[in-house]
Amino acid sequence: MQLKGLLVWKLIVGVVVRAANYDNSSVKTCKPYPFYAPPIEMDLDKVLGVWYEYAIYHPPGVFKNPTNYYDKIATVSGTPDVVAVNWTVALFVQPQGLCSGFFENVVFSSSGQKNSLTYFVAAGAKGPQQVFASEIFIDYTVMEIDHRCLAPNVATGTCDDPIFLINTRVKPPLLTQADIDYIEGTFNRVMAPYCFSMANLTKSTWDLTLPTCNPVEPPHYKELIELTSKILTA
């Protein structure tokens, strides 16, 4: 969700090899994660709406205990070839408890197979930051697995700085145990080839007593949406 574009993280994802008694038949190789996720078909109309962050993997030092992290997604404009989507990431930042936000604008392919560059604009930032964003898995009604890469390695086609997020349609404190088992089991299954599991993620902090956080869109974000709309409808 979410994406902490003001900081540059340096986490190198390498290839991990596990061997038993030097028997090649038992060697397991973990794939480095690509800076674009393998393409999946998506119905973009079904992606729209509100998603709530359930868990995240990212390098340390981004925010201290962010609370109530959610996205509100809406279309900007579209043509038969592309659809522009924008969303606001809202959260309370501790220890001050301030309502803060990140603002993104992305162009999806009409097939839904691959995202283009995302322009990630944080409140207070001077301008957009390019981020590779991909959808790894989505079922539209329960969960999605999102990937962001702030440091793509063009030479290898992999991501030196991956972020993985699990977002849910229901606020995490209100999920049933059956939902939780499905969500965590799905993440473990989908990410197994890359040796990522729920053990690598941090559960998001939620406080249902807090008011709704509605951060104000910065002017340059509004300008970006207007520019995207003009390009797509030209």
C-alpha atoms as a PDB file:
ATOM      1  CA  MET A   1       0.000   0.000   0.000  1.00  0.00           C
ATOM      2  CA  GLN A   2       1.945   2.442   0.315  1.00  0.00           C
ATOM      3  CA  LEU A   3       4.892   3.380  -0.338  1.00  0.00           C
ATOM      4  CA  LYS A   4       7.042   5.589   1.463  1.00  0.00           C
ATOM      5  CA  GLY A   5       8.460   7.348  -1.537  1.00  0.00           C
ATOM      6  CA  LEU A   6      10.346   9.897   0.522  1.00  0.00           C
ATOM      7  CA  LEU A   7      12.891   7.328   1.599  1.00  0.00           C
ATOM      8  CA  VAL A   8      15.159   5.141  -0.484  1.00  0.00           C
ATOM      9  CA  TRP A   9      15.533   1.669   0.849  1.00  0.00           C
ATOM     10  CA  LYS A  10      18.516  -0.536   0.090  1.00  0.00           C
ATOM     11  CA  LEU A  11      17.597  -4.163   0.499  1.00  0.00           C
ATOM     12  CA  ILE A  12      19.277  -6.485  -1.943  1.00  0.00           C
ATOM     13  CA  VAL A  13      17.261  -9.579  -2.688  1.00  0.00           C
ATOM     14  CA  GLY A  14      19.671 -12.374  -3.550  1.00  0.00           C
ATOM     15  CA  VAL A  15      19.395 -15.971  -4.540  1.00  0.00           C
ATOM     16  CA  VAL A  16      19.158 -18.261  -1.543  1.00  0.00           C
ATOM     17  CA  VAL A  17      20.205 -21.876  -1.934  1.00  0.00           C
ATOM     18  CA  ARG A  18      19.376 -24.487   0.655  1.00  0.00           C
ATOM     19  CA  ALA A  19      21.188 -27.835   0.380  1.00  0.00           C
ATOM     20  CA  ALA A  20      21.113 -31.037   2.381  1.00  0.00           C
ATOM     21  CA  ASN A  21      24.238 -33.191   2.509  1.00  0.00           C
ATOM     22  CA  TYR A  22      25.373 -31.630  -0.771  1.00  0.00           C
ATOM     23  CA  ASP A  23      22.853 -33.748  -2.646  1.00  0.00           C
ATOM     24  CA  ASN A  24      21.849 -31.725  -5.719  1.00  0.00           C
ATOM     25  CA  SER A  25      18.460 -33.410  -5.825  1.00  0.00           C
ATOM     26  CA  SER A  26      17.518 -31.695  -2.548  1.00  0.00           C
ATOM     27  CA  VAL A  27      18.733 -28.202  -3.457  1.00  0.00           C
ATOM     28  CA  LYS A  28      16.018 -25.530  -3.435  1.00  0.00           C
ATOM     29  CA  THR A  29      16.708 -22.277  -5.263  1.00  0.00           C
ATOM     30  CA  CYS A  30      14.691 -19.177  -4.442  1.00  0.00           C
ATOM     31  CA  LYS A  31      13.955 -16.957  -7.415  1.00  0.00           C
ATOM     32  CA  PRO A  32      14.957 -13.280  -7.212  1.00  0.00           C
ATOM     33  CA  TYR A  33      11.776 -11.260  -7.550  1.00  0.00           C
ATOM     34  CA  PRO A  34      11.317  -9.475 -10.920  1.00  0.00           C
ATOM     35  CA  PHE A  35      10.716  -5.735 -10.904  1.00  0.00           C
ATOM     36  CA  TYR A  36       7.462  -6.480 -12.719  1.00  0.00           C
ATOM     37  CA  ALA A  37       5.330  -9.294 -11.352  1.00  0.00           C
ATOM     38  CA  PRO A  38       4.411 -12.067 -13.808  1.00  0.00           C
ATOM     39  CA  PRO A  39       1.344 -10.820 -15.726  1.00  0.00           C
ATOM     40  CA  ILE A  40      -2.146 -11.747 -14.564  1.00  0.00           C
ATOM     41  CA  GLU A  41      -5.530 -10.987 -16.087  1.00  0.00           C
ATOM     42  CA  MET A  42      -7.436  -8.294 -14.208  1.00  0.00           C
ATOM     43  CA  ASP A  43     -10.912  -6.793 -14.396  1.00  0.00           C
ATOM     44  CA  LEU A  44     -10.049  -3.206 -13.524  1.00  0.00           C
ATOM     45  CA  ASP A  45     -13.638  -2.258 -12.709  1.00  0.00           C
ATOM     46  CA  LYS A  46     -13.608  -4.853  -9.931  1.00  0.00           C
ATOM     47  CA  VAL A  47     -10.364  -3.461  -8.496  1.00  0.00           C
ATOM     48  CA  LEU A  48     -11.959  -0.107  -7.678  1.00  0.00           C
ATOM     49  CA  GLY A  49     -13.100   0.764  -4.188  1.00  0.00           C
ATOM     50  CA  VAL A  50     -11.468   0.648  -0.776  1.00  0.00           C
ATOM     51  CA  TRP A  51      -8.724  -1.765   0.278  1.00  0.00           C
ATOM     52  CA  TYR A  52      -7.263  -2.102   3.766  1.00  0.00           C
ATOM     53  CA  GLU A  53      -3.659  -3.039   4.449  1.00  0.00           C
ATOM     54  CA  TYR A  54      -3.375  -6.359   6.272  1.00  0.00           C
ATOM     55  CA  ALA A  55       0.388  -6.891   6.211  1.00  0.00           C
ATOM     56  CA  ILE A  56       3.503  -5.515   4.520  1.00  0.00           C
ATOM     57  CA  TYR A  57       7.095  -6.462   3.759  1.00  0.00           C
ATOM     58  CA  HIS A  58       9.513  -3.565   3.418  1.00  0.00           C
ATOM     59  CA  PRO A  59      12.917  -2.491   4.722  1.00  0.00           C
ATOM     60  CA  PRO A  60      12.891  -0.892   8.180  1.00  0.00           C
ATOM     61  CA  GLY A  61      12.759   2.815   8.963  1.00  0.00           C
ATOM     62  CA  VAL A  62       9.852   3.942   6.816  1.00  0.00           C
ATOM     63  CA  PHE A  63       7.241   4.869   9.397  1.00  0.00           C
ATOM     64  CA  LYS A  64       7.065   4.155  13.093  1.00  0.00           C
ATOM     65  CA  ASN A  65       3.902   2.190  13.802  1.00  0.00           C
ATOM     66  CA  PRO A  66       1.585   3.494  11.072  1.00  0.00           C
ATOM     67  CA  THR A  67      -2.054   2.906  12.006  1.00  0.00           C
ATOM     68  CA  ASN A  68      -5.180   2.327   9.894  1.00  0.00           C
ATOM     69  CA  TYR A  69      -3.540   2.045   6.493  1.00  0.00           C
ATOM     70  CA  TYR A  70      -5.997   1.943   3.574  1.00  0.00           C
ATOM     71  CA  ASP A  71      -6.378   2.790  -0.103  1.00  0.00           C
ATOM     72  CA  LYS A  72      -9.281   4.391  -1.914  1.00  0.00           C
ATOM     73  CA  ILE A  73      -9.085   3.618  -5.625  1.00  0.00           C
ATOM     74  CA  ALA A  74     -10.967   5.336  -8.451  1.00  0.00           C
ATOM     75  CA  THR A  75     -10.647   5.707 -12.209  1.00  0.00           C
ATOM     76  CA  VAL A  76      -9.570   9.003 -13.734  1.00  0.00           C
ATOM     77  CA  SER A  77     -10.329   8.411 -17.397  1.00  0.00           C
ATOM     78  CA  GLY A  78      -9.814   5.795 -20.038  1.00  0.00           C
ATOM     79  CA  THR A  79      -9.715   4.727 -23.668  1.00  0.00           C
ATOM     80  CA  PRO A  80     -10.086   1.269 -25.251  1.00  0.00           C
ATOM     81  CA  ASP A  81      -6.342   0.815 -24.776  1.00  0.00           C
ATOM     82  CA  VAL A  82      -5.548   2.104 -21.317  1.00  0.00           C
ATOM     83  CA  VAL A  83      -7.207   3.035 -18.053  1.00  0.00           C
ATOM     84  CA  ALA A  84      -5.834   5.581 -15.606  1.00  0.00           C
ATOM     85  CA  VAL A  85      -6.353   4.816 -11.960  1.00  0.00           C
ATOM     86  CA  ASN A  86      -5.610   6.992  -8.962  1.00  0.00           C
ATOM     87  CA  TRP A  87      -5.700   6.316  -5.269  1.00  0.00           C
ATOM     88  CA  THR A  88      -5.064   7.873  -1.915  1.00  0.00           C
ATOM     89  CA  VAL A  89      -3.215   5.973   0.782  1.00  0.00           C
ATOM     90  CA  ALA A  90      -4.368   7.229   4.172  1.00  0.00           C
ATOM     91  CA  LEU A  91      -2.795   6.465   7.542  1.00  0.00           C
ATOM     92  CA  PHE A  92      -2.152   7.791  11.008  1.00  0.00           C
ATOM     93  CA  VAL A  93       1.554   8.238  11.756  1.00  0.00           C
ATOM     94  CA  GLN A  94       2.797   7.623  15.278  1.00  0.00           C
ATOM     95  CA  PRO A  95       3.831   8.803  17.778  1.00  0.00           C
ATOM     96  CA  GLN A  96       2.099  12.088  16.884  1.00  0.00           C
ATOM     97  CA  GLY A  97      -1.006  10.362  15.577  1.00  0.00           C
ATOM     98  CA  LEU A  98      -1.163  12.661  12.554  1.00  0.00           C
ATOM     99  CA  CYS A  99      -3.398  11.880   9.596  1.00  0.00           C
ATOM    100  CA  SER A 100      -1.075  11.578   6.608  1.00  0.00           C
ATOM    101  CA  GLY A 101      -1.364  10.426   3.026  1.00  0.00           C
ATOM    102  CA  PHE A 102       0.323   9.264  -0.130  1.00  0.00           C
ATOM    103  CA  PHE A 103      -1.163   9.911  -3.536  1.00  0.00           C
ATOM    104  CA  GLU A 104      -0.630   7.763  -6.620  1.00  0.00           C
ATOM    105  CA  ASN A 105      -1.562   7.791 -10.269  1.00  0.00           C
ATOM    106  CA  VAL A 106      -0.969   4.760 -12.481  1.00  0.00           C
ATOM    107  CA  VAL A 107      -1.863   3.671 -16.000  1.00  0.00           C
ATOM    108  CA  PHE A 108      -2.910   0.035 -16.453  1.00  0.00           C
ATOM    109  CA  SER A 109      -3.000  -1.839 -19.746  1.00  0.00           C
ATOM    110  CA  SER A 110      -6.514  -2.594 -20.951  1.00  0.00           C
ATOM    111  CA  SER A 111      -5.834  -6.335 -20.687  1.00  0.00           C
ATOM    112  CA  GLY A 112      -4.949  -5.850 -17.044  1.00  0.00           C
ATOM    113  CA  GLN A 113      -1.802  -7.880 -17.564  1.00  0.00           C
ATOM    114  CA  LYS A 114       0.822  -5.378 -16.533  1.00  0.00           C
ATOM    115  CA  ASN A 115       0.997  -2.016 -14.829  1.00  0.00           C
ATOM    116  CA  SER A 116       3.046   0.827 -16.204  1.00  0.00           C
ATOM    117  CA  LEU A 117       5.188   3.091 -14.080  1.00  0.00           C
ATOM    118  CA  THR A 118       3.466   4.506 -11.044  1.00  0.00           C
ATOM    119  CA  TYR A 119       3.967   8.127 -10.117  1.00  0.00           C
ATOM    120  CA  PHE A 120       4.065   8.170  -6.364  1.00  0.00           C
ATOM    121  CA  VAL A 121       3.464  11.560  -4.807  1.00  0.00           C
ATOM    122  CA  ALA A 122       3.778  11.976  -1.059  1.00  0.00           C
ATOM    123  CA  ALA A 123       2.190  14.884   0.750  1.00  0.00           C
ATOM    124  CA  GLY A 124       4.808  17.602   1.013  1.00  0.00           C
ATOM    125  CA  ALA A 125       6.980  16.177  -1.761  1.00  0.00           C
ATOM    126  CA  LYS A 126       8.152  18.486  -4.530  1.00  0.00           C
ATOM    127  CA  GLY A 127       7.198  16.126  -7.310  1.00  0.00           C
ATOM    128  CA  PRO A 128       6.378  12.557  -8.341  1.00  0.00           C
ATOM    129  CA  GLN A 129       8.656   9.562  -7.965  1.00  0.00           C
ATOM    130  CA  GLN A 130       8.599   6.737 -10.472  1.00  0.00           C
ATOM    131  CA  VAL A 131       7.766   3.358  -8.975  1.00  0.00           C
ATOM    132  CA  PHE A 132       7.231   0.011 -10.673  1.00  0.00           C
ATOM    133  CA  ALA A 133       3.910  -1.390  -9.442  1.00  0.00           C
ATOM    134  CA  SER A 134       2.461  -4.805 -10.202  1.00  0.00           C
ATOM    135  CA  GLU A 135      -0.471  -6.891  -9.074  1.00  0.00           C
ATOM    136  CA  ILE A 136       0.642 -10.371  -7.989  1.00  0.00           C
ATOM    137  CA  PHE A 137      -2.721 -11.845  -7.020  1.00  0.00           C
ATOM    138  CA  ILE A 138      -6.278 -10.583  -6.662  1.00  0.00           C
ATOM    139  CA  ASP A 139      -9.667 -12.187  -6.073  1.00  0.00           C
ATOM    140  CA  TYR A 140     -11.503  -8.818  -5.903  1.00  0.00           C
ATOM    141  CA  THR A 141     -13.718  -9.659  -2.907  1.00  0.00           C
ATOM    142  CA  VAL A 142     -11.313 -10.788  -0.164  1.00  0.00           C
ATOM    143  CA  MET A 143      -7.672  -9.911  -0.870  1.00  0.00           C
ATOM    144  CA  GLU A 144      -4.952  -8.724  -3.205  1.00  0.00           C
ATOM    145  CA  ILE A 145      -1.165  -9.084  -3.148  1.00  0.00           C
ATOM    146  CA  ASP A 146       0.596  -5.983  -4.400  1.00  0.00           C
ATOM    147  CA  HIS A 147       4.263  -5.516  -5.336  1.00  0.00           C
ATOM    148  CA  ARG A 148       6.224  -2.285  -5.577  1.00  0.00           C
ATOM    149  CA  CYS A 149       9.821  -1.858  -6.690  1.00  0.00           C
ATOM    150  CA  LEU A 150      11.702   1.359  -6.006  1.00  0.00           C
ATOM    151  CA  ALA A 151      15.042  -0.012  -7.260  1.00  0.00           C
ATOM    152  CA  PRO A 152      14.655  -2.121 -10.415  1.00  0.00           C
ATOM    153  CA  ASN A 153      17.798  -3.855 -11.625  1.00  0.00           C
ATOM    154  CA  VAL A 154      17.525  -3.415 -15.387  1.00  0.00           C
ATOM    155  CA  ALA A 155      20.533  -5.647 -16.067  1.00  0.00           C
ATOM    156  CA  THR A 156      19.003  -8.666 -14.324  1.00  0.00           C
ATOM    157  CA  GLY A 157      15.314  -7.830 -14.626  1.00  0.00           C
ATOM    158  CA  THR A 158      14.938  -8.246 -10.872  1.00  0.00           C
ATOM    159  CA  CYS A 159      14.065  -5.909  -8.025  1.00  0.00           C
ATOM    160  CA  ASP A 160      16.783  -4.878  -5.593  1.00  0.00           C
ATOM    161  CA  ASP A 161      14.232  -3.182  -3.330  1.00  0.00           C
ATOM    162  CA  PRO A 162      10.933  -5.113  -3.187  1.00  0.00           C
ATOM    163  CA  ILE A 163       7.837  -4.231  -1.224  1.00  0.00           C
ATOM    164  CA  PHE A 164       5.005  -6.743  -0.815  1.00  0.00           C
ATOM    165  CA  LEU A 165       1.584  -5.836   0.552  1.00  0.00           C
ATOM    166  CA  ILE A 166      -1.520  -7.789   1.404  1.00  0.00           C
ATOM    167  CA  ASN A 167      -4.668  -5.687   1.150  1.00  0.00           C
ATOM    168  CA  THR A 168      -8.156  -6.821   2.134  1.00  0.00           C
ATOM    169  CA  ARG A 169     -11.687  -5.652   1.400  1.00  0.00           C
ATOM    170  CA  VAL A 170     -12.614  -5.883   5.083  1.00  0.00           C
ATOM    171  CA  LYS A 171     -10.821  -3.997   7.846  1.00  0.00           C
ATOM    172  CA  PRO A 172      -8.311  -6.478   9.305  1.00  0.00           C
ATOM    173  CA  PRO A 173      -9.774  -6.481  12.868  1.00  0.00           C
ATOM    174  CA  LEU A 174     -13.124  -7.551  11.388  1.00  0.00           C
ATOM    175  CA  LEU A 175     -11.810 -10.501   9.363  1.00  0.00           C
ATOM    176  CA  THR A 176     -13.044 -13.953  10.307  1.00  0.00           C
ATOM    177  CA  GLN A 177     -10.585 -16.707  11.144  1.00  0.00           C
ATOM    178  CA  ALA A 178     -11.577 -18.431   7.908  1.00  0.00           C
ATOM    179  CA  ASP A 179     -10.679 -15.266   5.979  1.00  0.00           C
ATOM    180  CA  ILE A 180      -7.336 -15.011   7.776  1.00  0.00           C
ATOM    181  CA  ASP A 181      -6.489 -18.638   7.024  1.00  0.00           C
ATOM    182  CA  TYR A 182      -7.360 -18.103   3.358  1.00  0.00           C
ATOM    183  CA  ILE A 183      -5.401 -14.832   3.099  1.00  0.00           C
ATOM    184  CA  GLU A 184      -2.248 -16.106   4.764  1.00  0.00           C
ATOM    185  CA  GLY A 185      -2.404 -19.474   3.012  1.00  0.00           C
ATOM    186  CA  THR A 186      -2.752 -17.752  -0.358  1.00  0.00           C
ATOM    187  CA  PHE A 187       0.244 -15.493   0.273  1.00  0.00           C
ATOM    188  CA  ASN A 188       2.405 -18.432   1.359  1.00  0.00           C
ATOM    189  CA  ARG A 189       1.424 -20.403  -1.748  1.00  0.00           C
ATOM    190  CA  VAL A 190       1.856 -17.584  -4.267  1.00  0.00           C
ATOM    191  CA  MET A 191       5.180 -16.387  -2.851  1.00  0.00           C
ATOM    192  CA  ALA A 192       6.716 -19.819  -2.166  1.00  0.00           C
ATOM    193  CA  PRO A 193       8.869 -19.788  -5.355  1.00  0.00           C
ATOM    194  CA  TYR A 194      10.540 -16.628  -4.045  1.00  0.00           C
ATOM    195  CA  CYS A 195      10.958 -17.954  -0.481  1.00  0.00           C
ATOM    196  CA  PHE A 196       8.690 -15.301   1.011  1.00  0.00           C
ATOM    197  CA  SER A 197       6.012 -16.201   3.542  1.00  0.00           C
ATOM    198  CA  MET A 198       3.871 -14.575   6.203  1.00  0.00           C
ATOM    199  CA  ALA A 199       6.850 -14.913   8.540  1.00  0.00           C
ATOM    200  CA  ASN A 200       8.561 -12.151   6.516  1.00  0.00           C
ATOM    201  CA  LEU A 201       5.660  -9.698   6.785  1.00  0.00           C
ATOM    202  CA  THR A 202       4.630  -7.248   9.483  1.00  0.00           C
ATOM    203  CA  LYS A 203       0.953  -7.147  10.408  1.00  0.00           C
ATOM    204  CA  SER A 204      -0.584  -3.699  10.081  1.00  0.00           C
ATOM    205  CA  THR A 205      -1.764  -1.840  13.188  1.00  0.00           C
ATOM    206  CA  TRP A 206      -5.474  -1.015  13.394  1.00  0.00           C
ATOM    207  CA  ASP A 207      -7.476   1.052  15.866  1.00  0.00           C
ATOM    208  CA  LEU A 208     -11.185   1.112  15.091  1.00  0.00           C
ATOM    209  CA  THR A 209     -11.764   3.964  17.549  1.00  0.00           C
ATOM    210  CA  LEU A 210      -9.859   6.454  15.391  1.00  0.00           C
ATOM    211  CA  PRO A 211     -11.786   8.788  13.052  1.00  0.00           C
ATOM    212  CA  THR A 212     -11.533   8.438   9.284  1.00  0.00           C
ATOM    213  CA  CYS A 213      -8.315   9.890   7.892  1.00  0.00           C
ATOM    214  CA  ASN A 214      -8.921  12.078   4.822  1.00  0.00           C
ATOM    215  CA  PRO A 215      -5.601  13.657   3.808  1.00  0.00           C
ATOM    216  CA  VAL A 216      -5.729  16.676   1.505  1.00  0.00           C
ATOM    217  CA  GLU A 217      -4.482  16.099  -2.035  1.00  0.00           C
ATOM    218  CA  PRO A 218      -1.409  18.232  -2.838  1.00  0.00           C
ATOM    219  CA  PRO A 219      -1.760  20.600  -5.835  1.00  0.00           C
ATOM    220  CA  HIS A 220       0.869  18.812  -7.927  1.00  0.00           C
ATOM    221  CA  TYR A 221      -1.049  15.542  -7.539  1.00  0.00           C
ATOM    222  CA  LYS A 222      -4.214  17.138  -8.917  1.00  0.00           C
ATOM    223  CA  GLU A 223      -2.167  18.528 -11.808  1.00  0.00           C
ATOM    224  CA  LEU A 224      -0.800  15.050 -12.511  1.00  0.00           C
ATOM    225  CA  ILE A 225      -4.301  13.570 -12.701  1.00  0.00           C
ATOM    226  CA  GLU A 226      -5.434  16.345 -15.048  1.00  0.00           C
ATOM    227  CA  LEU A 227      -2.396  15.796 -17.288  1.00  0.00           C
ATOM    228  CA  THR A 228      -2.999  12.042 -17.417  1.00  0.00           C
ATOM    229  CA  SER A 229      -6.630  12.599 -18.327  1.00  0.00           C
ATOM    230  CA  LYS A 230      -5.682  14.916 -21.207  1.00  0.00           C
ATOM    231  CA  ILE A 231      -3.131  12.426 -22.562  1.00  0.00           C
ATOM    232  CA  LEU A 232      -5.540   9.481 -22.474  1.00  0.00           C
ATOM    233  CA  THR A 233      -8.436  11.340 -24.071  1.00  0.00           C
ATOM    234  CA  ALA A 234      -6.384  13.125 -26.741  1.00  0.00           C
END
